[in-house]
């Protein structure tokens, strides 16, 4: 990307210093970085962010949420390290953090302490809970999904199940980015910074709001997804003639019902006046579904999807996350960003799910190596080559 193109990015010129780990904090920084902000990740020496070394289900976190960022590796528990960090903070527009309550204050980097360095700073704190009775509790995505009923809604009765992705962590980072953008906009008029805060628990409560309102509106509690009464008769996963291959089909309007009956040659169902309206079909689901399942099970997956596409019906093959590497739409629409693993292997990762004026926002900087930008940042802050070498030799910083 040329210098001109970088300057044209929406958040060009905004400097963000992040003290974050895992998913929630890094997601916030990713969103801001992709949009053009200079996001500087402060990492502890000698090993850096622990997220770099996660295995199992966390093995993909680091590469997914840390592109377009710079790494400043420093010992903030040392006097010289903290001095360097404070010099960096004096140049910042935004600070983000997602460590346990009180951790940043203990380090001397809480909001009031940073505000004393940079009075108009926007400081985003991402926590398990917003201020209230639970605020000192330790939270995880799993914890808040259990607390809010999201896990109850996902699994079968008696077997609460967390969603298969870090939905609250990612959503928390997104909401933090939204609040930061709002604060930046306010600062343009007021000249004042502010403290903004996001809570995992509140994210999850927001997600289940529709189920809360279902109870308020109907008087009936929402049932878990596996045992719910669907709002539509055809809204399910269907077996096809190909062994192990399934397709989801949704028919969510009377017009789509007519199109479905024409596409799959259900003239008897399509002409039945007792099935003309959606609520009639829901009540007749036990009659409709066996016939529909049998018909679709006699067809190949490709045939079923082709008929749905031609008829304009909502449908999807049942895919695994790794199938998206080869997804035609993501690849041909420019929806994948290129990244290089530490091994040198080239991989792809989905970009932010929006465009602005026809533009998508991809990778300008690869996921940083530990301390890959320390030297340049220290030079910018006024440190000479000898000073930087001395800080390196003492283990205060790690620099390339």
Protein backbone atom coordinates (compact mmCIF):
# COMPACT_ATOMS: atom_id res chain seq x y z
CA UNK A 1 0.00 0.00 0.00
CA UNK A 2 1.37 3.43 -0.98
CA UNK A 3 1.82 6.28 1.54
CA UNK A 4 -1.00 8.15 -0.18
CA UNK A 5 -3.35 5.18 0.19
CA UNK A 6 -2.44 4.80 3.87
CA UNK A 7 -3.15 8.48 4.54
CA UNK A 8 -6.54 8.05 2.90
CA UNK A 9 -7.64 5.37 5.39
CA UNK A 10 -10.48 6.51 7.71
CA UNK A 11 -8.43 6.45 10.93
CA UNK A 12 -5.08 7.55 9.51
CA UNK A 13 -3.24 9.72 12.02
CA UNK A 14 -4.85 8.13 15.09
CA UNK A 15 -2.34 6.48 17.44
CA UNK A 16 -3.57 3.66 19.68
CA UNK A 17 -1.49 2.09 22.45
CA UNK A 18 -2.87 -1.29 23.51
CA UNK A 19 -2.18 -3.28 26.66
CA UNK A 20 -4.22 -6.34 25.74
CA UNK A 21 -4.22 -10.11 25.39
CA UNK A 22 -6.40 -13.03 24.27
CA UNK A 23 -9.36 -11.96 22.03
CA UNK A 24 -11.47 -9.07 23.35
CA UNK A 25 -8.77 -6.39 23.52
CA UNK A 26 -6.95 -7.49 20.37
CA UNK A 27 -10.24 -7.47 18.40
CA UNK A 28 -10.77 -3.82 19.30
CA UNK A 29 -7.25 -2.98 18.12
CA UNK A 30 -7.68 -5.04 14.95
CA UNK A 31 -10.77 -3.08 13.94
CA UNK A 32 -9.03 0.25 14.54
CA UNK A 33 -5.82 -0.93 12.84
CA UNK A 34 -7.57 -2.24 9.74
CA UNK A 35 -9.26 1.15 9.41
CA UNK A 36 -5.90 2.89 9.38
CA UNK A 37 -5.03 3.70 12.99
CA UNK A 38 -1.45 3.14 14.09
CA UNK A 39 -1.91 0.48 16.75
CA UNK A 40 1.10 -0.18 18.97
CA UNK A 41 0.97 -3.33 21.05
CA UNK A 42 2.96 -3.02 24.29
CA UNK A 43 4.33 -6.47 25.17
CA UNK A 44 6.36 -7.64 28.16
CA UNK A 45 9.93 -8.82 27.69
CA UNK A 46 11.39 -11.35 27.32
CA UNK A 47 8.55 -13.53 25.95
CA UNK A 48 5.82 -11.10 24.92
CA UNK A 49 2.07 -11.59 25.02
CA UNK A 50 1.17 -15.05 26.32
CA UNK A 51 -1.41 -15.30 23.53
CA UNK A 52 1.49 -15.87 21.12
CA UNK A 53 2.04 -19.30 22.67
CA UNK A 54 -1.51 -20.60 23.15
CA UNK A 55 -2.23 -24.08 21.85
CA UNK A 56 -5.43 -26.08 21.29
CA UNK A 57 -8.52 -23.96 20.66
CA UNK A 58 -6.49 -20.79 21.26
CA UNK A 59 -3.82 -21.55 18.65
CA UNK A 60 -5.41 -19.24 16.07
CA UNK A 61 -5.99 -16.20 18.29
CA UNK A 62 -2.65 -14.51 17.73
CA UNK A 63 -2.67 -14.61 13.93
CA UNK A 64 -6.35 -13.71 13.67
CA UNK A 65 -6.47 -10.56 15.80
CA UNK A 66 -3.05 -8.91 15.53
CA UNK A 67 -2.43 -7.92 11.92
CA UNK A 68 -1.70 -4.27 11.04
CA UNK A 69 -0.15 -3.68 14.49
CA UNK A 70 3.30 -2.74 15.75
CA UNK A 71 5.03 -4.50 18.64
CA UNK A 72 6.84 -2.52 21.36
CA UNK A 73 8.51 -5.01 23.69
CA UNK A 74 9.47 -3.46 27.03
CA UNK A 75 9.84 -4.25 30.72
CA UNK A 76 7.27 -1.88 32.20
CA UNK A 77 8.19 -3.00 35.71
CA UNK A 78 11.58 -1.36 35.33
CA UNK A 79 12.03 2.38 35.82
CA UNK A 80 13.58 2.95 32.40
CA UNK A 81 10.97 0.78 30.73
CA UNK A 82 8.13 2.71 32.35
CA UNK A 83 9.76 5.99 31.34
CA UNK A 84 9.77 4.87 27.71
CA UNK A 85 6.15 3.75 27.93
CA UNK A 86 5.09 7.09 29.41
CA UNK A 87 6.86 8.94 26.61
CA UNK A 88 4.95 6.78 24.15
CA UNK A 89 1.65 7.45 25.95
CA UNK A 90 2.26 11.20 25.64
CA UNK A 91 1.97 10.76 21.85
CA UNK A 92 -1.23 8.65 21.94
CA UNK A 93 -4.84 9.40 21.06
CA UNK A 94 -6.24 6.17 22.51
CA UNK A 95 -5.23 3.59 25.12
CA UNK A 96 -6.92 0.20 25.35
CA UNK A 97 -6.62 -2.53 28.00
CA UNK A 98 -8.43 -5.73 28.95
CA UNK A 99 -6.64 -7.02 32.05
CA UNK A 100 -8.26 -7.91 35.37
CA UNK A 101 -9.79 -5.07 37.43
CA UNK A 102 -7.11 -2.99 39.16
CA UNK A 103 -4.16 -4.42 37.21
CA UNK A 104 -3.46 -1.28 35.18
CA UNK A 105 -3.81 0.99 38.21
CA UNK A 106 -1.32 -1.19 40.09
CA UNK A 107 1.16 -0.71 37.27
CA UNK A 108 0.60 3.05 37.32
CA UNK A 109 -1.24 3.01 33.98
CA UNK A 110 -4.88 3.42 35.00
CA UNK A 111 -7.07 6.08 33.41
CA UNK A 112 -6.32 8.87 35.87
CA UNK A 113 -2.60 8.10 35.73
CA UNK A 114 -2.52 8.13 31.92
CA UNK A 115 -4.75 11.21 31.79
CA UNK A 116 -2.10 13.05 33.85
CA UNK A 117 0.35 12.28 31.02
CA UNK A 118 -2.05 12.99 28.11
CA UNK A 119 -5.07 15.05 29.27
CA UNK A 120 -7.20 14.41 26.16
CA UNK A 121 -6.60 10.66 26.08
CA UNK A 122 -9.45 8.29 25.23
CA UNK A 123 -9.02 5.29 27.48
CA UNK A 124 -10.93 2.09 26.73
CA UNK A 125 -11.20 -0.55 29.44
CA UNK A 126 -12.63 -3.93 28.47
CA UNK A 127 -13.75 -6.01 31.43
CA UNK A 128 -15.97 -8.94 32.37
CA UNK A 129 -18.63 -6.66 33.84
CA UNK A 130 -19.47 -2.98 33.78
CA UNK A 131 -19.54 -1.23 37.21
CA UNK A 132 -21.98 -2.91 39.59
CA UNK A 133 -22.27 -5.85 42.00
CA UNK A 134 -20.32 -8.23 39.75
CA UNK A 135 -17.55 -5.88 38.63
CA UNK A 136 -14.74 -7.54 40.59
CA UNK A 137 -15.54 -11.04 39.34
CA UNK A 138 -13.32 -12.77 36.82
CA UNK A 139 -15.19 -13.50 33.60
CA UNK A 140 -14.66 -15.59 30.49
CA UNK A 141 -16.77 -15.83 27.34
CA UNK A 142 -18.03 -19.17 28.69
CA UNK A 143 -18.93 -17.69 32.07
CA UNK A 144 -21.12 -14.92 30.70
CA UNK A 145 -22.78 -17.23 28.19
CA UNK A 146 -23.84 -19.39 31.11
CA UNK A 147 -24.92 -16.38 33.17
CA UNK A 148 -27.12 -14.80 30.50
CA UNK A 149 -28.83 -17.90 29.13
CA UNK A 150 -26.98 -17.84 25.80
CA UNK A 151 -25.51 -21.28 26.53
CA UNK A 152 -28.96 -22.47 27.65
CA UNK A 153 -30.41 -21.32 24.31
CA UNK A 154 -27.64 -23.01 22.29
CA UNK A 155 -27.64 -26.51 23.74
CA UNK A 156 -30.43 -29.04 24.29
CA UNK A 157 -32.43 -28.93 27.53
CA UNK A 158 -30.19 -29.79 30.47
CA UNK A 159 -27.01 -29.47 28.44
CA UNK A 160 -26.03 -25.78 28.15
CA UNK A 161 -23.51 -25.29 25.36
CA UNK A 162 -21.36 -22.26 24.62
CA UNK A 163 -21.42 -20.89 21.09
CA UNK A 164 -18.75 -22.38 18.85
CA UNK A 165 -16.83 -19.09 18.49
CA UNK A 166 -15.67 -16.38 20.91
CA UNK A 167 -18.83 -14.39 20.25
CA UNK A 168 -18.74 -12.18 23.34
CA UNK A 169 -15.01 -11.54 23.24
CA UNK A 170 -15.23 -10.46 19.59
CA UNK A 171 -18.41 -8.49 20.19
CA UNK A 172 -16.85 -6.80 23.23
CA UNK A 173 -13.91 -5.67 21.13
CA UNK A 174 -16.26 -4.37 18.45
CA UNK A 175 -18.35 -2.41 20.95
CA UNK A 176 -15.19 -1.00 22.47
CA UNK A 177 -14.09 0.19 19.02
CA UNK A 178 -17.52 1.78 18.47
CA UNK A 179 -17.29 3.65 21.79
CA UNK A 180 -13.75 4.80 20.94
CA UNK A 181 -14.90 6.14 17.57
CA UNK A 182 -17.76 7.98 19.27
CA UNK A 183 -15.32 9.44 21.83
CA UNK A 184 -12.93 10.55 19.06
CA UNK A 185 -15.83 12.28 17.33
CA UNK A 186 -16.83 14.04 20.55
CA UNK A 187 -13.25 15.11 21.19
CA UNK A 188 -13.16 16.96 17.88
CA UNK A 189 -15.82 19.31 19.27
CA UNK A 190 -15.00 19.35 22.98
CA UNK A 191 -11.24 18.87 22.99
CA UNK A 192 -11.71 16.45 25.86
CA UNK A 193 -10.87 12.78 26.16
CA UNK A 194 -12.84 10.31 28.24
CA UNK A 195 -12.97 6.88 29.85
CA UNK A 196 -15.04 4.27 28.01
CA UNK A 197 -15.76 0.77 29.23
CA UNK A 198 -17.14 -2.47 27.75
CA UNK A 199 -18.38 -5.58 29.60
CA UNK A 200 -18.55 -9.20 28.42
CA UNK A 201 -21.61 -9.87 30.57
CA UNK A 202 -23.45 -6.91 29.12
CA UNK A 203 -22.53 -8.05 25.58
CA UNK A 204 -24.11 -11.41 26.22
CA UNK A 205 -27.21 -9.86 27.81
CA UNK A 206 -27.59 -7.74 24.67
CA UNK A 207 -27.38 -10.87 22.52
CA UNK A 208 -30.22 -12.62 24.38
CA UNK A 209 -32.42 -9.54 24.51
CA UNK A 210 -34.66 -10.98 21.77
CA UNK A 211 -35.36 -14.03 23.94
CA UNK A 212 -36.12 -11.86 26.96
CA UNK A 213 -38.60 -9.89 24.87
CA UNK A 214 -40.19 -13.11 23.58
CA UNK A 215 -41.09 -13.92 27.18
CA UNK A 216 -42.31 -10.36 27.81
CA UNK A 217 -44.43 -10.24 24.64
CA UNK A 218 -45.90 -13.77 24.63
CA UNK A 219 -45.72 -14.80 28.27
CA UNK A 220 -43.89 -17.95 27.18
CA UNK A 221 -40.21 -18.51 27.86
CA UNK A 222 -37.93 -19.03 24.87
CA UNK A 223 -36.99 -22.68 24.42
CA UNK A 224 -33.41 -23.75 23.62
CA UNK A 225 -32.66 -23.83 19.91
CA UNK A 226 -32.69 -27.66 19.63
CA UNK A 227 -36.20 -27.90 21.13
CA UNK A 228 -37.76 -24.60 20.09
CA UNK A 229 -40.99 -24.16 18.20
CA UNK A 230 -39.80 -22.55 15.01
CA UNK A 231 -41.48 -19.45 13.64
CA UNK A 232 -41.50 -21.16 10.22
CA UNK A 233 -42.42 -24.65 9.04
CA UNK A 234 -39.44 -25.06 6.69
CA UNK A 235 -36.39 -23.83 8.61
CA UNK A 236 -34.12 -26.79 9.14
CA UNK A 237 -31.21 -28.97 8.07
CA UNK A 238 -32.05 -31.64 5.49
CA UNK A 239 -30.23 -34.82 4.47
CA UNK A 240 -29.51 -35.21 0.75
CA UNK A 241 -28.84 -38.27 -1.40
CA UNK A 242 -25.08 -37.74 -1.03
CA UNK A 243 -23.85 -39.67 2.01
CA UNK A 244 -23.28 -37.35 4.95
CA UNK A 245 -24.12 -34.20 2.96
CA UNK A 246 -26.71 -31.80 4.36
CA UNK A 247 -28.30 -28.50 3.34
CA UNK A 248 -30.05 -25.90 5.45
CA UNK A 249 -33.19 -24.40 3.87
CA UNK A 250 -35.34 -21.58 5.23
CA UNK A 251 -38.77 -20.63 3.91
CA UNK A 252 -39.71 -17.50 5.83
CA UNK A 253 -42.55 -15.88 3.88
CA UNK A 254 -45.68 -16.86 1.98
CA UNK A 255 -44.00 -15.79 -1.27
CA UNK A 256 -41.02 -18.02 -0.52
CA UNK A 257 -43.41 -20.89 0.23
CA UNK A 258 -44.90 -20.56 -3.24
CA UNK A 259 -41.40 -20.45 -4.77
CA UNK A 260 -40.32 -23.50 -2.72
CA UNK A 261 -43.34 -25.54 -3.82
CA UNK A 262 -42.72 -24.69 -7.48
CA UNK A 263 -38.99 -25.42 -7.28
CA UNK A 264 -39.39 -28.81 -5.57
CA UNK A 265 -42.60 -29.80 -7.35
CA UNK A 266 -44.89 -29.77 -4.31
CA UNK A 267 -47.96 -28.72 -6.29
CA UNK A 268 -50.32 -30.42 -3.82
CA UNK A 269 -48.87 -28.49 -0.88
CA UNK A 270 -48.62 -25.25 -2.82
CA UNK A 271 -52.29 -25.36 -3.82
CA UNK A 272 -53.62 -26.32 -0.39
CA UNK A 273 -55.51 -23.30 1.05
CA UNK A 274 -54.90 -24.64 4.56
CA UNK A 275 -51.16 -24.05 4.04
CA UNK A 276 -51.32 -20.65 2.36
CA UNK A 277 -50.25 -18.63 5.42
CA UNK A 278 -47.14 -19.02 7.52
CA UNK A 279 -48.86 -19.73 10.83
CA UNK A 280 -51.01 -22.40 9.17
CA UNK A 281 -47.86 -24.13 7.95
CA UNK A 282 -46.24 -23.99 11.39
CA UNK A 283 -49.28 -25.73 12.86
CA UNK A 284 -49.14 -28.33 10.07
CA UNK A 285 -45.41 -28.95 10.38
CA UNK A 286 -45.83 -32.61 11.37
CA UNK A 287 -47.71 -33.16 8.13
CA UNK A 288 -45.38 -31.15 5.88
CA UNK A 289 -41.91 -32.14 7.07
CA UNK A 290 -41.90 -35.91 6.41
CA UNK A 291 -42.90 -35.30 2.80
CA UNK A 292 -40.31 -32.55 2.36
CA UNK A 293 -37.53 -34.56 4.01
CA UNK A 294 -38.22 -37.58 1.80
CA UNK A 295 -38.18 -35.49 -1.39
CA UNK A 296 -34.94 -33.70 -0.56
CA UNK A 297 -33.27 -36.95 0.58
CA UNK A 298 -33.83 -38.31 -2.94
CA UNK A 299 -31.84 -35.44 -4.52
CA UNK A 300 -28.14 -34.68 -4.66
CA UNK A 301 -26.78 -31.81 -2.62
CA UNK A 302 -25.85 -29.93 -5.81
CA UNK A 303 -29.39 -30.31 -7.17
CA UNK A 304 -31.00 -29.10 -3.94
CA UNK A 305 -28.74 -26.04 -3.76
CA UNK A 306 -29.26 -25.27 -7.44
CA UNK A 307 -33.04 -25.34 -7.08
CA UNK A 308 -32.87 -23.09 -4.00
CA UNK A 309 -30.56 -20.62 -5.73
CA UNK A 310 -32.74 -20.42 -8.83
CA UNK A 311 -35.84 -19.91 -6.68
CA UNK A 312 -34.22 -17.21 -4.52
CA UNK A 313 -34.59 -19.23 -1.32
CA UNK A 314 -32.28 -18.95 1.72
CA UNK A 315 -30.03 -22.02 1.81
CA UNK A 316 -26.58 -23.18 2.80
CA UNK A 317 -24.45 -26.29 2.67
CA UNK A 318 -23.30 -27.38 6.14
CA UNK A 319 -19.67 -26.33 6.24
CA UNK A 320 -16.73 -26.36 8.63
CA UNK A 321 -14.64 -23.25 9.33
CA UNK A 322 -11.70 -24.60 7.31
CA UNK A 323 -13.94 -24.86 4.24
CA UNK A 324 -13.93 -21.05 4.06
CA UNK A 325 -10.30 -21.00 2.90
CA UNK A 326 -11.66 -22.14 -0.47
CA UNK A 327 -14.98 -20.27 -0.40
CA UNK A 328 -15.64 -18.86 -3.86
CA UNK A 329 -17.37 -15.69 -2.69
CA UNK A 330 -14.82 -14.77 -0.01
CA UNK A 331 -11.93 -15.27 -2.39
CA UNK A 332 -13.37 -13.72 -5.55
CA UNK A 333 -14.91 -10.73 -3.75
CA UNK A 334 -11.62 -9.80 -2.09
CA UNK A 335 -12.90 -10.75 1.35
CA UNK A 336 -9.72 -12.52 2.48
CA UNK A 337 -6.51 -10.87 3.68
CA UNK A 338 -3.10 -12.46 3.11
CA UNK A 339 -0.90 -13.16 6.13
CA UNK A 340 2.45 -14.86 6.58
CA UNK A 341 2.91 -17.35 9.42
CA UNK A 342 6.15 -17.37 11.41
CA UNK A 343 7.07 -20.48 9.39
CA UNK A 344 6.90 -18.40 6.21
CA UNK A 345 3.71 -20.08 4.98
CA UNK A 346 1.19 -17.78 3.28
CA UNK A 347 -2.37 -18.04 4.63
CA UNK A 348 -5.65 -16.18 4.29
CA UNK A 349 -7.95 -14.75 6.97
CA UNK A 350 -11.34 -13.04 6.61
CA UNK A 351 -11.29 -9.24 6.47
CA UNK A 352 -13.58 -6.90 8.36
CA UNK A 353 -17.16 -7.65 7.20
CA UNK A 354 -17.91 -4.28 5.61
CA UNK A 355 -16.74 -1.94 2.88
CA UNK A 356 -16.65 1.85 2.63
CA UNK A 357 -17.12 3.53 -0.74
CA UNK A 358 -16.44 0.17 -2.37
CA UNK A 359 -13.23 -0.39 -0.38
CA UNK A 360 -12.34 -3.38 1.82
CA UNK A 361 -9.74 -3.15 4.56
CA UNK A 362 -7.01 -5.78 4.51
CA UNK A 363 -3.50 -6.36 5.82
CA UNK A 364 -0.96 -3.54 5.52
CA UNK A 365 1.36 -4.98 8.16
CA UNK A 366 1.86 -8.65 8.88
CA UNK A 367 1.29 -9.91 12.44
CA UNK A 368 4.34 -8.50 14.27
CA UNK A 369 7.26 -10.41 15.69
CA UNK A 370 8.01 -9.55 19.31
CA UNK A 371 9.67 -6.12 19.43
CA UNK A 372 9.66 -5.69 15.67
CA UNK A 373 8.93 -1.96 15.98
CA UNK A 374 10.66 -1.16 19.28
CA UNK A 375 13.73 0.40 17.68
CA UNK A 376 11.81 2.74 15.37
CA UNK A 377 9.46 3.83 18.15
CA UNK A 378 12.30 4.51 20.59
CA UNK A 379 14.10 6.55 17.92
CA UNK A 380 10.95 8.56 17.35
CA UNK A 381 10.72 9.22 21.11
CA UNK A 382 14.22 10.72 21.12
CA UNK A 383 16.38 7.75 22.11
CA UNK A 384 19.73 7.55 20.34
CA UNK A 385 21.35 4.40 18.98
CA UNK A 386 23.58 4.05 22.04
CA UNK A 387 20.61 4.46 24.40
CA UNK A 388 18.66 1.79 22.54
CA UNK A 389 21.62 -0.62 22.58
CA UNK A 390 22.00 -0.07 26.33
CA UNK A 391 18.28 -0.72 26.94
CA UNK A 392 18.56 -3.87 24.84
CA UNK A 393 21.62 -5.09 26.69
CA UNK A 394 19.94 -4.58 30.07
CA UNK A 395 16.84 -6.53 28.94
CA UNK A 396 14.63 -3.44 29.33
CA UNK A 397 13.52 -3.66 25.70
CA UNK A 398 13.64 -6.17 22.89
CA UNK A 399 14.33 -4.57 19.52
CA UNK A 400 15.11 -5.85 16.04
